[in-house]
């Protein structure tokens, strides 16, 4: 088992030395140490991971001993343990390719967490979700129906609170979450979508891209904020296409990218490799 410290603070001489020195004092055996100094932002970011065995502080003692040091450096920080398996909720609509891939990765423990429920506004994925022994919840949400949207968000919020969910993943959930939902859930939300925005909006972006003869298509995973599709980006990827590719080829390649990018983003989040800073991310991969 390991402990992981994520921190950010104003950049200054000796930041790394002070933190690693503190850990050394209590017997930490560091196994990973990542540091990034953003000279433009004048900010310092750290991810340190060490073995718990032989380290003389438990979580409570660590907080008591480290807090004064962190305060002196104006540091924002969080402590995590690899033994903790975060609880995850997934929302989906009709397209289930990202969901299928995520459930498989969770089932073989490639992703470190527990899927507590899947909820969707189309029933297509229900049999597959139940095959994994995961509870499924039907949502009434549909485009243009604010009452059904509010009812669906209420259902999901109740499940989040009851299960103690720590991460929400939108696996091609095609409904816009309200600001109230994002505030009340208190859990970060990760979304996946094509990378054509703002060029090709709407429900058929690959068809629009084919009509324009694009040569690259991509996918973007990001944290969800109240500004639609403008939250901090976690990861992106692209693949080249050519004049010989059909619309179906673009859709297939796009699906493959979306699966890869969202699973990578979820892995990075669950393994505590992301620090959010303003509307950006520092990713220690």
C-alpha atoms as a PDB file:
ATOM      1  CA  UNK A   1       0.000   0.000   0.000  1.00  0.00           C
ATOM      2  CA  UNK A   2       1.190   3.517  -0.781  1.00  0.00           C
ATOM      3  CA  UNK A   3       0.316   7.057   0.233  1.00  0.00           C
ATOM      4  CA  UNK A   4       0.027   9.863  -2.321  1.00  0.00           C
ATOM      5  CA  UNK A   5       0.391  13.587  -1.739  1.00  0.00           C
ATOM      6  CA  UNK A   6      -0.895  16.060  -4.326  1.00  0.00           C
ATOM      7  CA  UNK A   7      -0.047  19.707  -3.778  1.00  0.00           C
ATOM      8  CA  UNK A   8       0.088  23.110  -5.421  1.00  0.00           C
ATOM      9  CA  UNK A   9       1.518  26.350  -4.103  1.00  0.00           C
ATOM     10  CA  UNK A  10       3.255  29.548  -5.209  1.00  0.00           C
ATOM     11  CA  UNK A  11       6.610  28.619  -6.676  1.00  0.00           C
ATOM     12  CA  UNK A  12       9.591  29.288  -4.424  1.00  0.00           C
ATOM     13  CA  UNK A  13      13.035  27.909  -3.731  1.00  0.00           C
ATOM     14  CA  UNK A  14      13.054  24.825  -1.573  1.00  0.00           C
ATOM     15  CA  UNK A  15       9.450  23.675  -2.050  1.00  0.00           C
ATOM     16  CA  UNK A  16      10.445  20.142  -3.046  1.00  0.00           C
ATOM     17  CA  UNK A  17      13.174  19.947  -0.422  1.00  0.00           C
ATOM     18  CA  UNK A  18      10.857  20.991   2.400  1.00  0.00           C
ATOM     19  CA  UNK A  19       8.178  18.446   1.521  1.00  0.00           C
ATOM     20  CA  UNK A  20      10.520  15.537   0.805  1.00  0.00           C
ATOM     21  CA  UNK A  21      12.517  16.429   3.904  1.00  0.00           C
ATOM     22  CA  UNK A  22       9.353  16.250   5.982  1.00  0.00           C
ATOM     23  CA  UNK A  23       8.557  12.815   4.570  1.00  0.00           C
ATOM     24  CA  UNK A  24      12.109  11.606   5.173  1.00  0.00           C
ATOM     25  CA  UNK A  25      11.874  12.691   8.816  1.00  0.00           C
ATOM     26  CA  UNK A  26       9.073  10.174   9.357  1.00  0.00           C
ATOM     27  CA  UNK A  27      10.669   7.328   7.441  1.00  0.00           C
ATOM     28  CA  UNK A  28       9.032   7.609   4.017  1.00  0.00           C
ATOM     29  CA  UNK A  29      10.464   5.493   1.199  1.00  0.00           C
ATOM     30  CA  UNK A  30       9.563   7.471  -1.936  1.00  0.00           C
ATOM     31  CA  UNK A  31       8.689   5.357  -4.971  1.00  0.00           C
ATOM     32  CA  UNK A  32       7.489   8.176  -7.274  1.00  0.00           C
ATOM     33  CA  UNK A  33       8.311  11.879  -7.212  1.00  0.00           C
ATOM     34  CA  UNK A  34       6.947  14.292  -9.805  1.00  0.00           C
ATOM     35  CA  UNK A  35       7.358  18.058  -9.739  1.00  0.00           C
ATOM     36  CA  UNK A  36       6.300  20.747 -12.190  1.00  0.00           C
ATOM     37  CA  UNK A  37       7.131  24.429 -11.831  1.00  0.00           C
ATOM     38  CA  UNK A  38       4.914  26.596 -14.019  1.00  0.00           C
ATOM     39  CA  UNK A  39       7.047  29.673 -14.604  1.00  0.00           C
ATOM     40  CA  UNK A  40       4.244  31.567 -16.341  1.00  0.00           C
ATOM     41  CA  UNK A  41       1.845  31.006 -13.426  1.00  0.00           C
ATOM     42  CA  UNK A  42       4.649  31.112 -10.828  1.00  0.00           C
ATOM     43  CA  UNK A  43       3.171  27.965  -9.309  1.00  0.00           C
ATOM     44  CA  UNK A  44       4.652  24.691  -8.109  1.00  0.00           C
ATOM     45  CA  UNK A  45       2.906  21.311  -8.403  1.00  0.00           C
ATOM     46  CA  UNK A  46       3.920  18.089  -6.662  1.00  0.00           C
ATOM     47  CA  UNK A  47       2.888  14.444  -6.710  1.00  0.00           C
ATOM     48  CA  UNK A  48       4.769  12.283  -4.225  1.00  0.00           C
ATOM     49  CA  UNK A  49       4.074   8.605  -3.573  1.00  0.00           C
ATOM     50  CA  UNK A  50       5.658   6.521  -0.837  1.00  0.00           C
ATOM     51  CA  UNK A  51       5.311   3.168   0.886  1.00  0.00           C
ATOM     52  CA  UNK A  52       3.090   3.178   3.963  1.00  0.00           C
ATOM     53  CA  UNK A  53       5.116   0.383   5.556  1.00  0.00           C
ATOM     54  CA  UNK A  54       7.810   1.993   7.670  1.00  0.00           C
ATOM     55  CA  UNK A  55       6.186   5.438   7.589  1.00  0.00           C
ATOM     56  CA  UNK A  56       5.469   6.521  11.150  1.00  0.00           C
ATOM     57  CA  UNK A  57       2.440   8.788  10.547  1.00  0.00           C
ATOM     58  CA  UNK A  58      -1.133   7.683   9.993  1.00  0.00           C
ATOM     59  CA  UNK A  59      -3.532   9.944   8.076  1.00  0.00           C
ATOM     60  CA  UNK A  60      -4.627  11.957  11.094  1.00  0.00           C
ATOM     61  CA  UNK A  61      -1.107  12.425  12.423  1.00  0.00           C
ATOM     62  CA  UNK A  62       0.102  13.379   8.956  1.00  0.00           C
ATOM     63  CA  UNK A  63      -2.470  16.143   8.678  1.00  0.00           C
ATOM     64  CA  UNK A  64      -1.590  17.508  12.107  1.00  0.00           C
ATOM     65  CA  UNK A  65       2.148  17.513  11.421  1.00  0.00           C
ATOM     66  CA  UNK A  66       2.076  18.665   7.778  1.00  0.00           C
ATOM     67  CA  UNK A  67      -0.606  21.387   7.974  1.00  0.00           C
ATOM     68  CA  UNK A  68       1.679  24.054   9.522  1.00  0.00           C
ATOM     69  CA  UNK A  69       4.323  23.455   6.853  1.00  0.00           C
ATOM     70  CA  UNK A  70       1.742  23.585   4.082  1.00  0.00           C
ATOM     71  CA  UNK A  71       0.244  26.781   5.501  1.00  0.00           C
ATOM     72  CA  UNK A  72       3.653  28.452   5.552  1.00  0.00           C
ATOM     73  CA  UNK A  73       3.950  27.772   1.810  1.00  0.00           C
ATOM     74  CA  UNK A  74       0.318  28.751   1.031  1.00  0.00           C
ATOM     75  CA  UNK A  75      -0.117  25.209  -0.202  1.00  0.00           C
ATOM     76  CA  UNK A  76      -3.306  23.458  -1.284  1.00  0.00           C
ATOM     77  CA  UNK A  77      -2.889  19.728  -0.767  1.00  0.00           C
ATOM     78  CA  UNK A  78      -4.630  16.377  -0.450  1.00  0.00           C
ATOM     79  CA  UNK A  79      -3.560  12.975   0.886  1.00  0.00           C
ATOM     80  CA  UNK A  80      -4.688   9.683  -0.650  1.00  0.00           C
ATOM     81  CA  UNK A  81      -4.048   5.972  -0.157  1.00  0.00           C
ATOM     82  CA  UNK A  82      -3.777   3.341  -2.886  1.00  0.00           C
ATOM     83  CA  UNK A  83      -5.844   0.909  -0.789  1.00  0.00           C
ATOM     84  CA  UNK A  84      -8.916   3.131  -1.116  1.00  0.00           C
ATOM     85  CA  UNK A  85     -11.186   2.160  -4.007  1.00  0.00           C
ATOM     86  CA  UNK A  86     -13.288   5.220  -4.943  1.00  0.00           C
ATOM     87  CA  UNK A  87     -16.982   4.700  -5.619  1.00  0.00           C
ATOM     88  CA  UNK A  88     -18.062   5.590  -9.150  1.00  0.00           C
ATOM     89  CA  UNK A  89     -21.416   6.306 -10.797  1.00  0.00           C
ATOM     90  CA  UNK A  90     -21.848   6.200 -14.586  1.00  0.00           C
ATOM     91  CA  UNK A  91     -24.469   7.921 -16.757  1.00  0.00           C
ATOM     92  CA  UNK A  92     -25.165   6.776 -20.306  1.00  0.00           C
ATOM     93  CA  UNK A  93     -27.580   7.335 -23.193  1.00  0.00           C
ATOM     94  CA  UNK A  94     -28.064   5.106 -26.248  1.00  0.00           C
ATOM     95  CA  UNK A  95     -24.427   4.850 -27.396  1.00  0.00           C
ATOM     96  CA  UNK A  96     -22.812   2.310 -25.084  1.00  0.00           C
ATOM     97  CA  UNK A  97     -19.288   1.829 -26.467  1.00  0.00           C
ATOM     98  CA  UNK A  98     -17.590   3.858 -23.710  1.00  0.00           C
ATOM     99  CA  UNK A  99     -19.708   2.180 -21.021  1.00  0.00           C
ATOM    100  CA  UNK A 100     -18.873  -1.329 -22.276  1.00  0.00           C
ATOM    101  CA  UNK A 101     -15.166  -0.547 -22.256  1.00  0.00           C
ATOM    102  CA  UNK A 102     -15.228   1.056 -18.796  1.00  0.00           C
ATOM    103  CA  UNK A 103     -17.158  -1.811 -17.200  1.00  0.00           C
ATOM    104  CA  UNK A 104     -14.693  -4.319 -18.609  1.00  0.00           C
ATOM    105  CA  UNK A 105     -11.711  -2.344 -17.302  1.00  0.00           C
ATOM    106  CA  UNK A 106     -13.306  -2.066 -13.858  1.00  0.00           C
ATOM    107  CA  UNK A 107     -14.149  -5.770 -13.855  1.00  0.00           C
ATOM    108  CA  UNK A 108     -10.507  -6.788 -14.458  1.00  0.00           C
ATOM    109  CA  UNK A 109      -9.342  -4.169 -11.915  1.00  0.00           C
ATOM    110  CA  UNK A 110      -7.451  -2.170 -14.507  1.00  0.00           C
ATOM    111  CA  UNK A 111      -9.339   0.815 -13.102  1.00  0.00           C
ATOM    112  CA  UNK A 112      -9.052   1.182  -9.345  1.00  0.00           C
ATOM    113  CA  UNK A 113     -12.578   1.784  -8.129  1.00  0.00           C
ATOM    114  CA  UNK A 114     -16.057   0.336  -7.643  1.00  0.00           C
ATOM    115  CA  UNK A 115     -18.972   1.084  -9.956  1.00  0.00           C
ATOM    116  CA  UNK A 116     -21.945   1.553  -7.627  1.00  0.00           C
ATOM    117  CA  UNK A 117     -24.575   2.151 -10.283  1.00  0.00           C
ATOM    118  CA  UNK A 118     -25.236   2.958 -13.922  1.00  0.00           C
ATOM    119  CA  UNK A 119     -28.161   5.189 -14.871  1.00  0.00           C
ATOM    120  CA  UNK A 120     -29.402   5.900 -18.370  1.00  0.00           C
ATOM    121  CA  UNK A 121     -32.154   7.629 -20.277  1.00  0.00           C
ATOM    122  CA  UNK A 122     -32.338   4.743 -22.773  1.00  0.00           C
ATOM    123  CA  UNK A 123     -32.722   1.098 -21.637  1.00  0.00           C
ATOM    124  CA  UNK A 124     -30.418  -0.392 -24.291  1.00  0.00           C
ATOM    125  CA  UNK A 125     -27.467  -0.973 -21.944  1.00  0.00           C
ATOM    126  CA  UNK A 126     -29.476  -2.342 -19.015  1.00  0.00           C
ATOM    127  CA  UNK A 127     -28.967  -6.109 -19.722  1.00  0.00           C
ATOM    128  CA  UNK A 128     -25.222  -5.657 -20.127  1.00  0.00           C
ATOM    129  CA  UNK A 129     -24.918  -3.607 -16.914  1.00  0.00           C
ATOM    130  CA  UNK A 130     -26.899  -6.192 -14.958  1.00  0.00           C
ATOM    131  CA  UNK A 131     -24.647  -8.916 -16.398  1.00  0.00           C
ATOM    132  CA  UNK A 132     -21.837  -7.311 -14.379  1.00  0.00           C
ATOM    133  CA  UNK A 133     -24.025  -7.362 -11.269  1.00  0.00           C
ATOM    134  CA  UNK A 134     -24.277  -3.575 -11.159  1.00  0.00           C
ATOM    135  CA  UNK A 135     -27.568  -1.805 -10.324  1.00  0.00           C
ATOM    136  CA  UNK A 136     -29.243  -0.033 -13.250  1.00  0.00           C
ATOM    137  CA  UNK A 137     -31.598   2.950 -12.924  1.00  0.00           C
ATOM    138  CA  UNK A 138     -33.891   4.258 -15.641  1.00  0.00           C
ATOM    139  CA  UNK A 139     -33.882   8.016 -16.208  1.00  0.00           C
ATOM    140  CA  UNK A 140     -36.727   9.935 -17.814  1.00  0.00           C
ATOM    141  CA  UNK A 141     -34.530  12.749 -19.144  1.00  0.00           C
ATOM    142  CA  UNK A 142     -35.005  13.768 -22.756  1.00  0.00           C
ATOM    143  CA  UNK A 143     -34.175  16.831 -24.803  1.00  0.00           C
ATOM    144  CA  UNK A 144     -36.448  19.803 -24.170  1.00  0.00           C
ATOM    145  CA  UNK A 145     -38.272  18.322 -21.177  1.00  0.00           C
ATOM    146  CA  UNK A 146     -37.055  20.256 -18.136  1.00  0.00           C
ATOM    147  CA  UNK A 147     -39.405  18.442 -15.775  1.00  0.00           C
ATOM    148  CA  UNK A 148     -38.067  15.019 -16.816  1.00  0.00           C
ATOM    149  CA  UNK A 149     -34.515  16.339 -16.576  1.00  0.00           C
ATOM    150  CA  UNK A 150     -35.065  17.581 -13.023  1.00  0.00           C
ATOM    151  CA  UNK A 151     -36.653  14.251 -12.052  1.00  0.00           C
ATOM    152  CA  UNK A 152     -33.705  12.320 -13.488  1.00  0.00           C
ATOM    153  CA  UNK A 153     -31.136  14.498 -11.733  1.00  0.00           C
ATOM    154  CA  UNK A 154     -33.010  14.025  -8.463  1.00  0.00           C
ATOM    155  CA  UNK A 155     -32.805  10.234  -8.884  1.00  0.00           C
ATOM    156  CA  UNK A 156     -29.070  10.364  -9.585  1.00  0.00           C
ATOM    157  CA  UNK A 157     -28.369  12.733  -6.680  1.00  0.00           C
ATOM    158  CA  UNK A 158     -30.171  10.403  -4.300  1.00  0.00           C
ATOM    159  CA  UNK A 159     -28.017   7.477  -5.480  1.00  0.00           C
ATOM    160  CA  UNK A 160     -24.841   9.557  -5.181  1.00  0.00           C
ATOM    161  CA  UNK A 161     -25.627  10.491  -1.584  1.00  0.00           C
ATOM    162  CA  UNK A 162     -26.756   6.991  -0.608  1.00  0.00           C
ATOM    163  CA  UNK A 163     -23.691   5.261  -2.081  1.00  0.00           C
ATOM    164  CA  UNK A 164     -21.150   7.933  -1.198  1.00  0.00           C
ATOM    165  CA  UNK A 165     -20.102   8.263  -4.839  1.00  0.00           C
ATOM    166  CA  UNK A 166     -16.798  10.089  -5.368  1.00  0.00           C
ATOM    167  CA  UNK A 167     -16.732  10.323  -9.178  1.00  0.00           C
ATOM    168  CA  UNK A 168     -19.377  10.620 -11.891  1.00  0.00           C
ATOM    169  CA  UNK A 169     -18.514   9.516 -15.424  1.00  0.00           C
ATOM    170  CA  UNK A 170     -20.595  10.584 -18.412  1.00  0.00           C
ATOM    171  CA  UNK A 171     -20.100   7.658 -20.797  1.00  0.00           C
ATOM    172  CA  UNK A 172     -21.739   9.405 -23.761  1.00  0.00           C
ATOM    173  CA  UNK A 173     -24.625  10.725 -21.664  1.00  0.00           C
ATOM    174  CA  UNK A 174     -26.309  13.105 -24.072  1.00  0.00           C
ATOM    175  CA  UNK A 175     -28.060  15.351 -21.559  1.00  0.00           C
ATOM    176  CA  UNK A 176     -26.653  18.611 -20.193  1.00  0.00           C
ATOM    177  CA  UNK A 177     -26.333  18.535 -16.405  1.00  0.00           C
ATOM    178  CA  UNK A 178     -27.716  21.535 -14.551  1.00  0.00           C
ATOM    179  CA  UNK A 179     -25.609  23.836 -12.416  1.00  0.00           C
ATOM    180  CA  UNK A 180     -27.670  22.776  -9.419  1.00  0.00           C
ATOM    181  CA  UNK A 181     -26.805  19.132 -10.007  1.00  0.00           C
ATOM    182  CA  UNK A 182     -23.078  19.872 -10.275  1.00  0.00           C
ATOM    183  CA  UNK A 183     -23.182  21.860  -7.036  1.00  0.00           C
ATOM    184  CA  UNK A 184     -25.250  19.374  -5.059  1.00  0.00           C
ATOM    185  CA  UNK A 185     -23.421  16.244  -6.192  1.00  0.00           C
ATOM    186  CA  UNK A 186     -20.119  17.535  -4.756  1.00  0.00           C
ATOM    187  CA  UNK A 187     -18.364  14.825  -6.808  1.00  0.00           C
ATOM    188  CA  UNK A 188     -16.201  15.627  -9.839  1.00  0.00           C
ATOM    189  CA  UNK A 189     -17.749  14.753 -13.204  1.00  0.00           C
ATOM    190  CA  UNK A 190     -15.745  13.542 -16.220  1.00  0.00           C
ATOM    191  CA  UNK A 191     -17.194  13.808 -19.720  1.00  0.00           C
ATOM    192  CA  UNK A 192     -16.085  12.542 -23.140  1.00  0.00           C
ATOM    193  CA  UNK A 193     -16.921  14.043 -26.505  1.00  0.00           C
ATOM    194  CA  UNK A 194     -15.543  14.496 -29.996  1.00  0.00           C
ATOM    195  CA  UNK A 195     -12.940  17.200 -30.464  1.00  0.00           C
ATOM    196  CA  UNK A 196     -14.678  19.058 -33.278  1.00  0.00           C
ATOM    197  CA  UNK A 197     -16.203  21.688 -31.007  1.00  0.00           C
ATOM    198  CA  UNK A 198     -17.016  24.429 -31.759  1.00  0.00           C
ATOM    199  CA  UNK A 199     -16.827  23.559 -35.465  1.00  0.00           C
ATOM    200  CA  UNK A 200     -19.369  20.731 -35.685  1.00  0.00           C
ATOM    201  CA  UNK A 201     -22.085  20.926 -33.063  1.00  0.00           C
ATOM    202  CA  UNK A 202     -25.117  18.712 -32.673  1.00  0.00           C
ATOM    203  CA  UNK A 203     -25.841  15.007 -32.722  1.00  0.00           C
ATOM    204  CA  UNK A 204     -24.121  14.036 -36.005  1.00  0.00           C
ATOM    205  CA  UNK A 205     -20.637  15.576 -35.815  1.00  0.00           C
ATOM    206  CA  UNK A 206     -18.899  12.818 -37.784  1.00  0.00           C
ATOM    207  CA  UNK A 207     -21.328  13.227 -40.667  1.00  0.00           C
ATOM    208  CA  UNK A 208     -20.587  16.961 -40.693  1.00  0.00           C
ATOM    209  CA  UNK A 209     -16.854  16.272 -40.552  1.00  0.00           C
ATOM    210  CA  UNK A 210     -17.104  13.876 -43.489  1.00  0.00           C
ATOM    211  CA  UNK A 211     -18.997  16.488 -45.502  1.00  0.00           C
ATOM    212  CA  UNK A 212     -16.151  18.950 -44.868  1.00  0.00           C
ATOM    213  CA  UNK A 213     -13.457  16.409 -45.715  1.00  0.00           C
ATOM    214  CA  UNK A 214     -11.524  16.691 -42.442  1.00  0.00           C
ATOM    215  CA  UNK A 215      -8.184  14.887 -42.201  1.00  0.00           C
ATOM    216  CA  UNK A 216      -7.991  14.465 -38.417  1.00  0.00           C
ATOM    217  CA  UNK A 217     -10.641  13.457 -35.909  1.00  0.00           C
ATOM    218  CA  UNK A 218     -10.254  13.360 -32.151  1.00  0.00           C
ATOM    219  CA  UNK A 219     -11.755  12.944 -28.698  1.00  0.00           C
ATOM    220  CA  UNK A 220     -11.527  15.019 -25.511  1.00  0.00           C
ATOM    221  CA  UNK A 221     -12.077  14.061 -21.870  1.00  0.00           C
ATOM    222  CA  UNK A 222     -12.615  16.900 -19.421  1.00  0.00           C
ATOM    223  CA  UNK A 223     -14.055  17.781 -16.053  1.00  0.00           C
ATOM    224  CA  UNK A 224     -17.580  19.144 -16.275  1.00  0.00           C
ATOM    225  CA  UNK A 225     -18.303  22.690 -15.130  1.00  0.00           C
ATOM    226  CA  UNK A 226     -21.328  24.931 -15.531  1.00  0.00           C
ATOM    227  CA  UNK A 227     -19.753  26.293 -18.738  1.00  0.00           C
ATOM    228  CA  UNK A 228     -20.811  23.703 -21.290  1.00  0.00           C
ATOM    229  CA  UNK A 229     -17.873  21.686 -22.677  1.00  0.00           C
ATOM    230  CA  UNK A 230     -15.362  24.214 -21.327  1.00  0.00           C
ATOM    231  CA  UNK A 231     -14.158  22.447 -18.179  1.00  0.00           C
ATOM    232  CA  UNK A 232     -10.490  21.594 -17.533  1.00  0.00           C
ATOM    233  CA  UNK A 233      -9.189  19.159 -20.149  1.00  0.00           C
ATOM    234  CA  UNK A 234      -7.724  15.899 -18.846  1.00  0.00           C
ATOM    235  CA  UNK A 235      -6.713  14.239 -22.093  1.00  0.00           C
ATOM    236  CA  UNK A 236      -7.117  14.235 -25.859  1.00  0.00           C
ATOM    237  CA  UNK A 237      -6.128  12.048 -28.777  1.00  0.00           C
ATOM    238  CA  UNK A 238      -6.425  12.138 -32.567  1.00  0.00           C
ATOM    239  CA  UNK A 239      -6.355   9.801 -35.552  1.00  0.00           C
ATOM    240  CA  UNK A 240      -5.872  10.638 -39.212  1.00  0.00           C
ATOM    241  CA  UNK A 241      -8.576  10.000 -41.777  1.00  0.00           C
ATOM    242  CA  UNK A 242      -8.497  10.187 -45.552  1.00  0.00           C
ATOM    243  CA  UNK A 243     -10.692  10.797 -48.566  1.00  0.00           C
ATOM    244  CA  UNK A 244     -11.299   7.044 -48.804  1.00  0.00           C
ATOM    245  CA  UNK A 245     -12.922   6.856 -45.346  1.00  0.00           C
ATOM    246  CA  UNK A 246     -16.703   6.680 -45.251  1.00  0.00           C
ATOM    247  CA  UNK A 247     -18.911   8.235 -42.579  1.00  0.00           C
ATOM    248  CA  UNK A 248     -19.056   4.796 -40.982  1.00  0.00           C
ATOM    249  CA  UNK A 249     -15.242   4.693 -40.881  1.00  0.00           C
ATOM    250  CA  UNK A 250     -15.134   8.060 -39.118  1.00  0.00           C
ATOM    251  CA  UNK A 251     -17.730   6.953 -36.590  1.00  0.00           C
ATOM    252  CA  UNK A 252     -15.820   3.719 -35.917  1.00  0.00           C
ATOM    253  CA  UNK A 253     -12.506   5.507 -35.478  1.00  0.00           C
ATOM    254  CA  UNK A 254     -14.196   8.117 -33.309  1.00  0.00           C
ATOM    255  CA  UNK A 255     -15.696   5.438 -31.045  1.00  0.00           C
ATOM    256  CA  UNK A 256     -12.289   3.807 -30.622  1.00  0.00           C
ATOM    257  CA  UNK A 257     -10.736   7.125 -29.636  1.00  0.00           C
ATOM    258  CA  UNK A 258     -13.525   7.997 -27.229  1.00  0.00           C
ATOM    259  CA  UNK A 259     -13.134   4.670 -25.402  1.00  0.00           C
ATOM    260  CA  UNK A 260      -9.392   5.111 -25.077  1.00  0.00           C
ATOM    261  CA  UNK A 261      -9.472   8.745 -23.995  1.00  0.00           C
ATOM    262  CA  UNK A 262     -12.192   8.422 -21.362  1.00  0.00           C
ATOM    263  CA  UNK A 263     -10.712   5.264 -19.815  1.00  0.00           C
ATOM    264  CA  UNK A 264      -7.332   6.999 -19.613  1.00  0.00           C
ATOM    265  CA  UNK A 265      -8.910  10.046 -17.971  1.00  0.00           C
ATOM    266  CA  UNK A 266     -10.745   7.907 -15.415  1.00  0.00           C
ATOM    267  CA  UNK A 267      -7.543   5.991 -14.637  1.00  0.00           C
ATOM    268  CA  UNK A 268      -5.592   9.212 -14.112  1.00  0.00           C
ATOM    269  CA  UNK A 269      -8.271  10.585 -11.800  1.00  0.00           C
ATOM    270  CA  UNK A 270      -8.653   7.419  -9.743  1.00  0.00           C
ATOM    271  CA  UNK A 271      -4.886   7.045  -9.333  1.00  0.00           C
ATOM    272  CA  UNK A 272      -4.602  10.653  -8.132  1.00  0.00           C
ATOM    273  CA  UNK A 273      -2.469  11.942 -10.984  1.00  0.00           C
ATOM    274  CA  UNK A 274      -4.367  15.138 -11.748  1.00  0.00           C
ATOM    275  CA  UNK A 275      -4.194  18.563 -10.141  1.00  0.00           C
ATOM    276  CA  UNK A 276      -6.781  21.112 -11.228  1.00  0.00           C
ATOM    277  CA  UNK A 277      -5.473  24.668 -11.493  1.00  0.00           C
ATOM    278  CA  UNK A 278      -7.806  27.448 -12.635  1.00  0.00           C
ATOM    279  CA  UNK A 279      -9.368  26.024 -15.824  1.00  0.00           C
ATOM    280  CA  UNK A 280      -6.427  23.752 -16.602  1.00  0.00           C
ATOM    281  CA  UNK A 281      -4.986  20.498 -15.346  1.00  0.00           C
ATOM    282  CA  UNK A 282      -1.514  19.300 -14.423  1.00  0.00           C
ATOM    283  CA  UNK A 283      -1.387  15.600 -15.295  1.00  0.00           C
ATOM    284  CA  UNK A 284       1.366  13.378 -13.898  1.00  0.00           C
ATOM    285  CA  UNK A 285       1.145  10.340 -16.190  1.00  0.00           C
END
